[in-house]
Amino acid sequence: MGAPLSALALNTATITSSSLSPDCLAYRVVGICYWLYCTNFGCKVKTSPKVRHYVPDAVVSSYSNTGENPWSEVSVMSSTNTSARGGGDGSAGISHENDLAKFKNADVIGHPGGAAFSQFAGQSGYACPGAGKILMPYFLSTLDSIAWRHNIPERLFPEAFTPGVREIGSRTSANLWGAVYPRGGFLHGVDDYKSAAVVAQRAGDIVTRRGQIHVYQPLLGTKQDGYWPAGPLKESNPSTGKWQELAPNQSQTCAVFPNNLPHVQSPRGDYAWALWRPYSCCKREGQIFLGSTDFAGANE
């Protein structure tokens, strides 16, 4: 179920409250960690539960009008500049014009849930920290104009012109929302919601990888003893990340794209989702990490 944006404005407070979602959290005990604990009297092996759950790392906004991020408090981060002035669509949104281009800006900003989410997740047991830092701008398409508005150099990548590669949905099931590549703001399609979702997926794809030819900050954690951070986001694969709609409706559930959830078209062409990503961890119980064992079916 979702609440209309007109009744629930998208701001830091509403985004924070949306992070208290058991469905998106999906907390599970998936295995056991082993630690070597030593004192002056000798050493012994101690264990701790290995848990896995999702963390809302970032808010990904996908919107038509440059400088008008629907998350009101952060819209100043992506104001217009000399290389990113205009926005909007080349299509009137009617079926026979689906060959005309739509354009979306995209911002990826650290989720503001912070302490509220940590307290909520901790109620289930030991909780894992995410990689996202509160209000950190990981990607602002207005600062990535060459790649985002001109598809340079990704329009020359094989993924950009090979049908069936890196696509969101399926051609055979007649449920193709769009392609991940080229990872820019232009795409073709009549459905504004689905176009915005594809652009959000593109932005999430960029920030969850290192060394991409874009202007951005990687949204990635570092593996440590007893801590396994989320890796690259992959379309339609919930084991790499999932989306919680924040605008125009606010949802308490998470899903991947494509999905069959109710979709509401925004009259202003602005949308936002929280990007939840999976983390595994266990409480340190000794000086030396010996390894971990996952239960059967833990990765399903």
C-alpha atoms as a PDB file:
ATOM      1  CA  MET A   1       0.000   0.000   0.000  1.00  0.00           C
ATOM      2  CA  GLY A   2       1.232   3.545  -0.685  1.00  0.00           C
ATOM      3  CA  ALA A   3       0.332   7.023   0.445  1.00  0.00           C
ATOM      4  CA  PRO A   4      -0.204   9.688  -2.243  1.00  0.00           C
ATOM      5  CA  LEU A   5       2.532  12.286  -2.368  1.00  0.00           C
ATOM      6  CA  SER A   6      -0.063  15.025  -2.114  1.00  0.00           C
ATOM      7  CA  ALA A   7      -0.854  13.737   1.364  1.00  0.00           C
ATOM      8  CA  LEU A   8       2.733  12.892   2.271  1.00  0.00           C
ATOM      9  CA  ALA A   9       5.357  15.310   0.958  1.00  0.00           C
ATOM     10  CA  LEU A  10       8.757  13.866   0.091  1.00  0.00           C
ATOM     11  CA  ASN A  11      11.163  15.282   2.630  1.00  0.00           C
ATOM     12  CA  THR A  12      13.814  14.002   4.991  1.00  0.00           C
ATOM     13  CA  ALA A  13      11.313  13.139   7.718  1.00  0.00           C
ATOM     14  CA  THR A  14       9.060  11.042   5.476  1.00  0.00           C
ATOM     15  CA  ILE A  15      12.033   9.295   3.878  1.00  0.00           C
ATOM     16  CA  THR A  16      13.409   8.434   7.322  1.00  0.00           C
ATOM     17  CA  SER A  17      10.082   6.996   8.453  1.00  0.00           C
ATOM     18  CA  SER A  18       9.838   4.905   5.295  1.00  0.00           C
ATOM     19  CA  SER A  19      13.010   3.025   6.293  1.00  0.00           C
ATOM     20  CA  LEU A  20      11.132   1.264   9.106  1.00  0.00           C
ATOM     21  CA  SER A  21       9.922  -1.469   6.753  1.00  0.00           C
ATOM     22  CA  PRO A  22      10.119  -5.148   7.809  1.00  0.00           C
ATOM     23  CA  ASP A  23       9.486  -6.241   4.218  1.00  0.00           C
ATOM     24  CA  CYS A  24      12.441  -4.263   2.872  1.00  0.00           C
ATOM     25  CA  LEU A  25      14.686  -5.196   5.824  1.00  0.00           C
ATOM     26  CA  ALA A  26      14.208  -8.970   5.260  1.00  0.00           C
ATOM     27  CA  TYR A  27      16.296  -9.904   8.305  1.00  0.00           C
ATOM     28  CA  ARG A  28      17.632 -13.493   8.377  1.00  0.00           C
ATOM     29  CA  VAL A  29      20.117 -15.557  10.352  1.00  0.00           C
ATOM     30  CA  VAL A  30      22.052 -17.310   7.588  1.00  0.00           C
ATOM     31  CA  GLY A  31      25.020 -18.988   9.254  1.00  0.00           C
ATOM     32  CA  ILE A  32      27.665 -19.055  11.967  1.00  0.00           C
ATOM     33  CA  CYS A  33      30.935 -17.153  12.323  1.00  0.00           C
ATOM     34  CA  TYR A  34      33.957 -18.590  14.150  1.00  0.00           C
ATOM     35  CA  TRP A  35      36.419 -16.497  16.170  1.00  0.00           C
ATOM     36  CA  LEU A  36      39.591 -17.324  18.049  1.00  0.00           C
ATOM     37  CA  TYR A  37      39.428 -15.706  21.471  1.00  0.00           C
ATOM     38  CA  CYS A  38      42.670 -15.637  23.473  1.00  0.00           C
ATOM     39  CA  THR A  39      43.561 -14.547  26.996  1.00  0.00           C
ATOM     40  CA  ASN A  40      46.590 -15.036  29.233  1.00  0.00           C
ATOM     41  CA  PHE A  41      45.126 -18.405  30.149  1.00  0.00           C
ATOM     42  CA  GLY A  42      44.808 -19.790  26.633  1.00  0.00           C
ATOM     43  CA  CYS A  43      42.663 -19.658  23.518  1.00  0.00           C
ATOM     44  CA  LYS A  44      39.265 -21.003  22.543  1.00  0.00           C
ATOM     45  CA  VAL A  45      36.919 -20.840  19.585  1.00  0.00           C
ATOM     46  CA  LYS A  46      33.795 -18.739  20.029  1.00  0.00           C
ATOM     47  CA  THR A  47      30.875 -18.394  17.648  1.00  0.00           C
ATOM     48  CA  SER A  48      28.377 -15.721  16.688  1.00  0.00           C
ATOM     49  CA  PRO A  49      25.338 -15.758  14.382  1.00  0.00           C
ATOM     50  CA  LYS A  50      25.872 -14.614  10.806  1.00  0.00           C
ATOM     51  CA  VAL A  51      22.977 -12.392   9.752  1.00  0.00           C
ATOM     52  CA  ARG A  52      21.891 -10.952   6.438  1.00  0.00           C
ATOM     53  CA  HIS A  53      19.546  -8.066   5.804  1.00  0.00           C
ATOM     54  CA  TYR A  54      18.983  -5.132   3.501  1.00  0.00           C
ATOM     55  CA  VAL A  55      20.020  -1.561   4.265  1.00  0.00           C
ATOM     56  CA  PRO A  56      18.582   1.596   2.633  1.00  0.00           C
ATOM     57  CA  ASP A  57      21.844   2.972   1.271  1.00  0.00           C
ATOM     58  CA  ALA A  58      20.551   5.811  -0.885  1.00  0.00           C
ATOM     59  CA  VAL A  59      17.625   7.715  -2.296  1.00  0.00           C
ATOM     60  CA  VAL A  60      17.593   7.686  -6.092  1.00  0.00           C
ATOM     61  CA  SER A  61      15.531  10.431  -7.705  1.00  0.00           C
ATOM     62  CA  SER A  62      14.561  10.390 -11.377  1.00  0.00           C
ATOM     63  CA  TYR A  63      12.865  13.564 -12.570  1.00  0.00           C
ATOM     64  CA  SER A  64      12.174  15.611 -15.673  1.00  0.00           C
ATOM     65  CA  ASN A  65      12.782  19.234 -14.728  1.00  0.00           C
ATOM     66  CA  THR A  66      16.423  20.079 -14.059  1.00  0.00           C
ATOM     67  CA  GLY A  67      16.938  21.470 -10.563  1.00  0.00           C
ATOM     68  CA  GLU A  68      13.654  20.070  -9.236  1.00  0.00           C
ATOM     69  CA  ASN A  69      14.563  16.925  -7.334  1.00  0.00           C
ATOM     70  CA  PRO A  70      11.309  15.841  -5.612  1.00  0.00           C
ATOM     71  CA  TRP A  71      13.227  15.477  -2.300  1.00  0.00           C
ATOM     72  CA  SER A  72      12.818  19.100  -1.313  1.00  0.00           C
ATOM     73  CA  GLU A  73      15.762  19.581   1.080  1.00  0.00           C
ATOM     74  CA  VAL A  74      18.417  18.346  -1.380  1.00  0.00           C
ATOM     75  CA  SER A  75      17.191  19.904  -4.622  1.00  0.00           C
ATOM     76  CA  VAL A  76      19.809  22.649  -4.318  1.00  0.00           C
ATOM     77  CA  MET A  77      22.532  20.013  -4.823  1.00  0.00           C
ATOM     78  CA  SER A  78      21.494  19.500  -8.444  1.00  0.00           C
ATOM     79  CA  SER A  79      20.601  22.986  -9.586  1.00  0.00           C
ATOM     80  CA  THR A  80      20.975  23.985 -13.220  1.00  0.00           C
ATOM     81  CA  ASN A  81      24.387  24.956 -14.612  1.00  0.00           C
ATOM     82  CA  THR A  82      25.870  25.960 -17.953  1.00  0.00           C
ATOM     83  CA  SER A  83      26.043  22.354 -19.179  1.00  0.00           C
ATOM     84  CA  ALA A  84      22.737  21.177 -17.672  1.00  0.00           C
ATOM     85  CA  ARG A  85      19.940  23.651 -18.110  1.00  0.00           C
ATOM     86  CA  GLY A  86      16.918  22.077 -19.684  1.00  0.00           C
ATOM     87  CA  GLY A  87      14.945  18.902 -19.069  1.00  0.00           C
ATOM     88  CA  GLY A  88      11.644  17.356 -19.956  1.00  0.00           C
ATOM     89  CA  ASP A  89      10.450  15.121 -22.760  1.00  0.00           C
ATOM     90  CA  GLY A  90      10.466  15.210 -26.521  1.00  0.00           C
ATOM     91  CA  SER A  91       7.253  13.173 -26.474  1.00  0.00           C
ATOM     92  CA  ALA A  92       3.721  14.235 -25.692  1.00  0.00           C
ATOM     93  CA  GLY A  93       3.192  10.847 -24.024  1.00  0.00           C
ATOM     94  CA  ILE A  94       0.785   9.403 -26.579  1.00  0.00           C
ATOM     95  CA  SER A  95       1.132   5.973 -28.133  1.00  0.00           C
ATOM     96  CA  HIS A  96       2.037   6.889 -31.708  1.00  0.00           C
ATOM     97  CA  GLU A  97       4.886   9.110 -30.480  1.00  0.00           C
ATOM     98  CA  ASN A  98       6.818   6.396 -28.691  1.00  0.00           C
ATOM     99  CA  ASP A  99       9.767   6.910 -31.017  1.00  0.00           C
ATOM    100  CA  LEU A 100      10.447  10.300 -29.442  1.00  0.00           C
ATOM    101  CA  ALA A 101      12.862  10.723 -26.595  1.00  0.00           C
ATOM    102  CA  LYS A 102      12.154  11.146 -22.921  1.00  0.00           C
ATOM    103  CA  PHE A 103      14.733  12.668 -20.600  1.00  0.00           C
ATOM    104  CA  LYS A 104      15.269  12.280 -16.858  1.00  0.00           C
ATOM    105  CA  ASN A 105      17.792  13.764 -14.488  1.00  0.00           C
ATOM    106  CA  ALA A 106      19.001  11.448 -11.728  1.00  0.00           C
ATOM    107  CA  ASP A 107      20.464  11.991  -8.277  1.00  0.00           C
ATOM    108  CA  VAL A 108      21.812   9.368  -5.873  1.00  0.00           C
ATOM    109  CA  ILE A 109      22.054  10.754  -2.344  1.00  0.00           C
ATOM    110  CA  GLY A 110      22.826   8.951   0.902  1.00  0.00           C
ATOM    111  CA  HIS A 111      19.690   7.818   2.733  1.00  0.00           C
ATOM    112  CA  PRO A 112      18.840   9.979   5.766  1.00  0.00           C
ATOM    113  CA  GLY A 113      17.473   7.056   7.860  1.00  0.00           C
ATOM    114  CA  GLY A 114      20.643   6.738   9.914  1.00  0.00           C
ATOM    115  CA  ALA A 115      20.054   6.189  13.624  1.00  0.00           C
ATOM    116  CA  ALA A 116      16.332   5.488  13.193  1.00  0.00           C
ATOM    117  CA  PHE A 117      17.017   2.618  10.821  1.00  0.00           C
ATOM    118  CA  SER A 118      19.864   1.242  12.950  1.00  0.00           C
ATOM    119  CA  GLN A 119      17.590   1.130  15.981  1.00  0.00           C
ATOM    120  CA  PHE A 120      14.842  -0.523  13.941  1.00  0.00           C
ATOM    121  CA  ALA A 121      17.171  -3.152  12.446  1.00  0.00           C
ATOM    122  CA  GLY A 122      18.774  -3.790  15.825  1.00  0.00           C
ATOM    123  CA  GLN A 123      15.444  -4.962  17.218  1.00  0.00           C
ATOM    124  CA  SER A 124      15.880  -8.147  15.178  1.00  0.00           C
ATOM    125  CA  GLY A 125      19.374  -8.792  16.566  1.00  0.00           C
ATOM    126  CA  TYR A 126      22.859  -7.770  15.519  1.00  0.00           C
ATOM    127  CA  ALA A 127      22.634  -5.312  12.592  1.00  0.00           C
ATOM    128  CA  CYS A 128      25.035  -4.647   9.711  1.00  0.00           C
ATOM    129  CA  PRO A 129      26.070  -1.134   8.695  1.00  0.00           C
ATOM    130  CA  GLY A 130      25.505  -0.088   5.101  1.00  0.00           C
ATOM    131  CA  ALA A 131      27.915   1.721   2.809  1.00  0.00           C
ATOM    132  CA  GLY A 132      25.783   4.834   2.366  1.00  0.00           C
ATOM    133  CA  LYS A 133      26.604   8.026   4.265  1.00  0.00           C
ATOM    134  CA  ILE A 134      23.735  10.295   5.228  1.00  0.00           C
ATOM    135  CA  LEU A 135      23.070  13.030   2.609  1.00  0.00           C
ATOM    136  CA  MET A 136      26.252  12.211   0.664  1.00  0.00           C
ATOM    137  CA  PRO A 137      25.794  13.074  -3.051  1.00  0.00           C
ATOM    138  CA  TYR A 138      27.063   9.951  -4.809  1.00  0.00           C
ATOM    139  CA  PHE A 139      25.768  10.966  -8.229  1.00  0.00           C
ATOM    140  CA  LEU A 140      24.275  14.184  -9.606  1.00  0.00           C
ATOM    141  CA  SER A 141      23.506  14.009 -13.307  1.00  0.00           C
ATOM    142  CA  THR A 142      23.890  17.778 -13.658  1.00  0.00           C
ATOM    143  CA  LEU A 143      27.619  17.289 -12.956  1.00  0.00           C
ATOM    144  CA  ASP A 144      27.898  14.371 -15.401  1.00  0.00           C
ATOM    145  CA  SER A 145      26.618  16.166 -18.482  1.00  0.00           C
ATOM    146  CA  ILE A 146      28.920  14.684 -21.129  1.00  0.00           C
ATOM    147  CA  ALA A 147      28.033  11.106 -20.218  1.00  0.00           C
ATOM    148  CA  TRP A 148      24.441  11.714 -19.063  1.00  0.00           C
ATOM    149  CA  ARG A 149      23.210  14.044 -21.810  1.00  0.00           C
ATOM    150  CA  HIS A 150      25.377  12.931 -24.745  1.00  0.00           C
ATOM    151  CA  ASN A 151      25.950   9.232 -23.942  1.00  0.00           C
ATOM    152  CA  ILE A 152      29.688   9.673 -24.462  1.00  0.00           C
ATOM    153  CA  PRO A 153      31.331   7.179 -24.616  1.00  0.00           C
ATOM    154  CA  GLU A 154      28.699   4.578 -23.659  1.00  0.00           C
ATOM    155  CA  ARG A 155      26.676   4.871 -26.861  1.00  0.00           C
ATOM    156  CA  LEU A 156      29.616   3.021 -28.477  1.00  0.00           C
ATOM    157  CA  PHE A 157      29.614   0.183 -25.934  1.00  0.00           C
ATOM    158  CA  PRO A 158      28.349  -3.213 -27.203  1.00  0.00           C
ATOM    159  CA  GLU A 159      25.770  -3.286 -24.387  1.00  0.00           C
ATOM    160  CA  ALA A 160      24.188  -0.132 -25.826  1.00  0.00           C
ATOM    161  CA  PHE A 161      23.245  -1.543 -29.219  1.00  0.00           C
ATOM    162  CA  THR A 162      22.964  -5.292 -28.655  1.00  0.00           C
ATOM    163  CA  PRO A 163      19.322  -6.390 -28.142  1.00  0.00           C
ATOM    164  CA  GLY A 164      18.750  -8.577 -25.123  1.00  0.00           C
ATOM    165  CA  VAL A 165      21.851  -7.421 -23.233  1.00  0.00           C
ATOM    166  CA  ARG A 166      21.458  -5.670 -19.852  1.00  0.00           C
ATOM    167  CA  GLU A 167      17.726  -5.139 -20.279  1.00  0.00           C
ATOM    168  CA  ILE A 168      15.153  -4.521 -17.552  1.00  0.00           C
ATOM    169  CA  GLY A 169      12.393  -6.997 -18.234  1.00  0.00           C
ATOM    170  CA  SER A 170      11.911  -9.386 -21.113  1.00  0.00           C
ATOM    171  CA  ARG A 171      11.039  -9.034 -24.773  1.00  0.00           C
ATOM    172  CA  THR A 172       9.556 -12.524 -24.914  1.00  0.00           C
ATOM    173  CA  SER A 173       7.097 -11.795 -22.108  1.00  0.00           C
ATOM    174  CA  ALA A 174       6.219  -8.392 -23.585  1.00  0.00           C
ATOM    175  CA  ASN A 175       7.313  -6.739 -20.343  1.00  0.00           C
ATOM    176  CA  LEU A 176      10.430  -4.861 -21.385  1.00  0.00           C
ATOM    177  CA  TRP A 177      10.855  -1.608 -19.464  1.00  0.00           C
ATOM    178  CA  GLY A 178      14.100  -0.542 -21.093  1.00  0.00           C
ATOM    179  CA  ALA A 179      17.846  -1.082 -21.301  1.00  0.00           C
ATOM    180  CA  VAL A 180      20.485  -0.236 -18.720  1.00  0.00           C
ATOM    181  CA  TYR A 181      22.939   0.941 -21.401  1.00  0.00           C
ATOM    182  CA  PRO A 182      23.745   3.571 -22.395  1.00  0.00           C
ATOM    183  CA  ARG A 183      23.605   4.833 -18.834  1.00  0.00           C
ATOM    184  CA  GLY A 184      22.308   8.322 -19.539  1.00  0.00           C
ATOM    185  CA  GLY A 185      19.138  10.339 -19.175  1.00  0.00           C
ATOM    186  CA  PHE A 186      17.568   9.714 -22.598  1.00  0.00           C
ATOM    187  CA  LEU A 187      15.387   6.765 -23.524  1.00  0.00           C
ATOM    188  CA  HIS A 188      12.333   5.946 -25.593  1.00  0.00           C
ATOM    189  CA  GLY A 189       8.960   4.969 -24.234  1.00  0.00           C
ATOM    190  CA  VAL A 190       5.493   6.256 -23.476  1.00  0.00           C
ATOM    191  CA  ASP A 191       5.162   5.103 -19.855  1.00  0.00           C
ATOM    192  CA  ASP A 192       6.734   7.826 -17.730  1.00  0.00           C
ATOM    193  CA  TYR A 193       6.914   5.702 -14.561  1.00  0.00           C
ATOM    194  CA  LYS A 194       8.777   2.880 -16.285  1.00  0.00           C
ATOM    195  CA  SER A 195      11.119   5.339 -17.994  1.00  0.00           C
ATOM    196  CA  ALA A 196      11.938   6.906 -14.626  1.00  0.00           C
ATOM    197  CA  ALA A 197      12.546   3.468 -13.118  1.00  0.00           C
ATOM    198  CA  VAL A 198      14.990   2.572 -15.906  1.00  0.00           C
ATOM    199  CA  VAL A 199      16.894   5.810 -15.308  1.00  0.00           C
ATOM    200  CA  ALA A 200      17.006   5.091 -11.562  1.00  0.00           C
ATOM    201  CA  GLN A 201      18.409   1.629 -12.327  1.00  0.00           C
ATOM    202  CA  ARG A 202      21.078   3.203 -14.551  1.00  0.00           C
ATOM    203  CA  ALA A 203      22.148   5.593 -11.801  1.00  0.00           C
ATOM    204  CA  GLY A 204      22.232   2.748  -9.260  1.00  0.00           C
ATOM    205  CA  ASP A 205      24.281   0.671 -11.685  1.00  0.00           C
ATOM    206  CA  ILE A 206      26.903   3.404 -11.955  1.00  0.00           C
ATOM    207  CA  VAL A 207      27.418   4.148  -8.264  1.00  0.00           C
ATOM    208  CA  THR A 208      27.685   0.486  -7.214  1.00  0.00           C
ATOM    209  CA  ARG A 209      30.743  -0.074  -9.401  1.00  0.00           C
ATOM    210  CA  ARG A 210      34.225   1.355  -9.400  1.00  0.00           C
ATOM    211  CA  GLY A 211      36.036   2.858 -12.369  1.00  0.00           C
ATOM    212  CA  GLN A 212      33.007   3.917 -14.410  1.00  0.00           C
ATOM    213  CA  ILE A 213      33.404   6.720 -16.970  1.00  0.00           C
ATOM    214  CA  HIS A 214      31.100   9.065 -15.091  1.00  0.00           C
ATOM    215  CA  VAL A 215      31.404  11.803 -12.479  1.00  0.00           C
ATOM    216  CA  TYR A 216      30.362  10.079  -9.244  1.00  0.00           C
ATOM    217  CA  GLN A 217      31.421   8.630  -5.897  1.00  0.00           C
ATOM    218  CA  PRO A 218      31.303   4.817  -5.546  1.00  0.00           C
ATOM    219  CA  LEU A 219      28.670   3.585  -3.094  1.00  0.00           C
ATOM    220  CA  LEU A 220      30.561   0.507  -1.948  1.00  0.00           C
ATOM    221  CA  GLY A 221      31.691  -0.892   1.383  1.00  0.00           C
ATOM    222  CA  THR A 222      34.944  -2.691   2.154  1.00  0.00           C
ATOM    223  CA  LYS A 223      34.961  -6.345   3.118  1.00  0.00           C
ATOM    224  CA  GLN A 224      36.323  -6.970   6.608  1.00  0.00           C
ATOM    225  CA  ASP A 225      36.498  -9.866   9.039  1.00  0.00           C
ATOM    226  CA  GLY A 226      32.896 -10.779   9.750  1.00  0.00           C
ATOM    227  CA  TYR A 227      31.475  -8.205   7.333  1.00  0.00           C
ATOM    228  CA  TRP A 228      30.359  -8.809   3.742  1.00  0.00           C
ATOM    229  CA  PRO A 229      29.125  -5.634   1.993  1.00  0.00           C
ATOM    230  CA  ALA A 230      26.812  -5.443  -0.991  1.00  0.00           C
ATOM    231  CA  GLY A 231      28.373  -5.685  -4.443  1.00  0.00           C
ATOM    232  CA  PRO A 232      27.341  -4.305  -7.844  1.00  0.00           C
ATOM    233  CA  LEU A 233      23.647  -3.771  -8.468  1.00  0.00           C
ATOM    234  CA  LYS A 234      22.210  -6.007 -11.209  1.00  0.00           C
ATOM    235  CA  GLU A 235      18.870  -5.393 -12.821  1.00  0.00           C
ATOM    236  CA  SER A 236      15.982  -7.715 -11.887  1.00  0.00           C
ATOM    237  CA  ASN A 237      18.155  -9.504  -9.300  1.00  0.00           C
ATOM    238  CA  PRO A 238      16.958  -8.923  -5.703  1.00  0.00           C
ATOM    239  CA  SER A 239      20.080 -10.554  -4.283  1.00  0.00           C
ATOM    240  CA  THR A 240      21.987  -7.419  -5.382  1.00  0.00           C
ATOM    241  CA  GLY A 241      19.447  -4.784  -4.393  1.00  0.00           C
ATOM    242  CA  LYS A 242      15.792  -3.790  -4.499  1.00  0.00           C
ATOM    243  CA  TRP A 243      13.699  -0.644  -4.683  1.00  0.00           C
ATOM    244  CA  GLN A 244      11.181   1.008  -2.357  1.00  0.00           C
ATOM    245  CA  GLU A 245       9.020   3.647  -4.000  1.00  0.00           C
ATOM    246  CA  LEU A 246       9.012   7.017  -2.234  1.00  0.00           C
ATOM    247  CA  ALA A 247       7.369   9.287  -4.807  1.00  0.00           C
ATOM    248  CA  PRO A 248       4.795   9.831  -6.148  1.00  0.00           C
ATOM    249  CA  ASN A 249       3.562   7.124  -3.740  1.00  0.00           C
ATOM    250  CA  GLN A 250       5.326   5.983  -0.607  1.00  0.00           C
ATOM    251  CA  SER A 251       5.408   2.216  -0.271  1.00  0.00           C
ATOM    252  CA  GLN A 252       6.257  -0.073   2.661  1.00  0.00           C
ATOM    253  CA  THR A 253       7.413  -2.881   0.383  1.00  0.00           C
ATOM    254  CA  CYS A 254      10.437  -3.426  -1.840  1.00  0.00           C
ATOM    255  CA  ALA A 255      10.719  -4.995  -5.291  1.00  0.00           C
ATOM    256  CA  VAL A 256      12.964  -5.075  -8.352  1.00  0.00           C
ATOM    257  CA  PHE A 257      12.201  -3.651 -11.777  1.00  0.00           C
ATOM    258  CA  PRO A 258      10.136  -4.808 -13.593  1.00  0.00           C
ATOM    259  CA  ASN A 259       7.305  -5.575 -11.212  1.00  0.00           C
ATOM    260  CA  ASN A 260       3.527  -5.767 -11.183  1.00  0.00           C
ATOM    261  CA  LEU A 261       2.964  -3.320  -8.343  1.00  0.00           C
ATOM    262  CA  PRO A 262       0.494  -0.450  -8.927  1.00  0.00           C
ATOM    263  CA  HIS A 263       2.213   2.375 -10.790  1.00  0.00           C
ATOM    264  CA  VAL A 264       1.058   5.977 -10.498  1.00  0.00           C
ATOM    265  CA  GLN A 265       2.190   8.500 -13.089  1.00  0.00           C
ATOM    266  CA  SER A 266       3.588  11.696 -11.613  1.00  0.00           C
ATOM    267  CA  PRO A 267       2.025  14.796 -13.201  1.00  0.00           C
ATOM    268  CA  ARG A 268       5.388  16.589 -12.898  1.00  0.00           C
ATOM    269  CA  GLY A 269       7.466  13.651 -14.088  1.00  0.00           C
ATOM    270  CA  ASP A 270       9.351  13.280 -10.806  1.00  0.00           C
ATOM    271  CA  TYR A 271       9.920   9.985  -8.996  1.00  0.00           C
ATOM    272  CA  ALA A 272      12.087   8.671  -6.197  1.00  0.00           C
ATOM    273  CA  TRP A 273      13.017   5.304  -4.748  1.00  0.00           C
ATOM    274  CA  ALA A 274      15.092   4.102  -1.826  1.00  0.00           C
ATOM    275  CA  LEU A 275      17.787   1.671  -2.928  1.00  0.00           C
ATOM    276  CA  TRP A 276      18.087  -1.202  -0.418  1.00  0.00           C
ATOM    277  CA  ARG A 277      21.145  -3.444  -0.676  1.00  0.00           C
ATOM    278  CA  PRO A 278      22.021  -6.717   1.079  1.00  0.00           C
ATOM    279  CA  TYR A 279      24.720  -6.968   3.757  1.00  0.00           C
ATOM    280  CA  SER A 280      25.944  -9.879   5.875  1.00  0.00           C
ATOM    281  CA  CYS A 281      27.824  -9.602   9.146  1.00  0.00           C
ATOM    282  CA  CYS A 282      28.420 -11.167  12.544  1.00  0.00           C
ATOM    283  CA  LYS A 283      29.379  -9.811  15.936  1.00  0.00           C
ATOM    284  CA  ARG A 284      33.090  -9.955  16.738  1.00  0.00           C
ATOM    285  CA  GLU A 285      33.703 -12.532  19.478  1.00  0.00           C
ATOM    286  CA  GLY A 286      37.495 -12.839  19.334  1.00  0.00           C
ATOM    287  CA  GLN A 287      40.719 -11.394  18.053  1.00  0.00           C
ATOM    288  CA  ILE A 288      41.048 -13.596  14.963  1.00  0.00           C
ATOM    289  CA  PHE A 289      38.326 -14.386  12.449  1.00  0.00           C
ATOM    290  CA  LEU A 290      38.476 -18.067  11.498  1.00  0.00           C
ATOM    291  CA  GLY A 291      35.724 -18.124   8.897  1.00  0.00           C
ATOM    292  CA  SER A 292      32.007 -18.713   8.579  1.00  0.00           C
ATOM    293  CA  THR A 293      29.549 -21.400   7.574  1.00  0.00           C
ATOM    294  CA  ASP A 294      26.267 -20.679   5.808  1.00  0.00           C
ATOM    295  CA  PHE A 295      23.166 -22.742   6.479  1.00  0.00           C
ATOM    296  CA  ALA A 296      21.706 -24.782   3.635  1.00  0.00           C
ATOM    297  CA  GLY A 297      19.532 -22.576   1.444  1.00  0.00           C
ATOM    298  CA  ALA A 298      20.865 -19.382   3.019  1.00  0.00           C
ATOM    299  CA  ASN A 299      21.595 -17.842  -0.368  1.00  0.00           C
ATOM    300  CA  GLU A 300      18.184 -18.527  -1.829  1.00  0.00           C
END
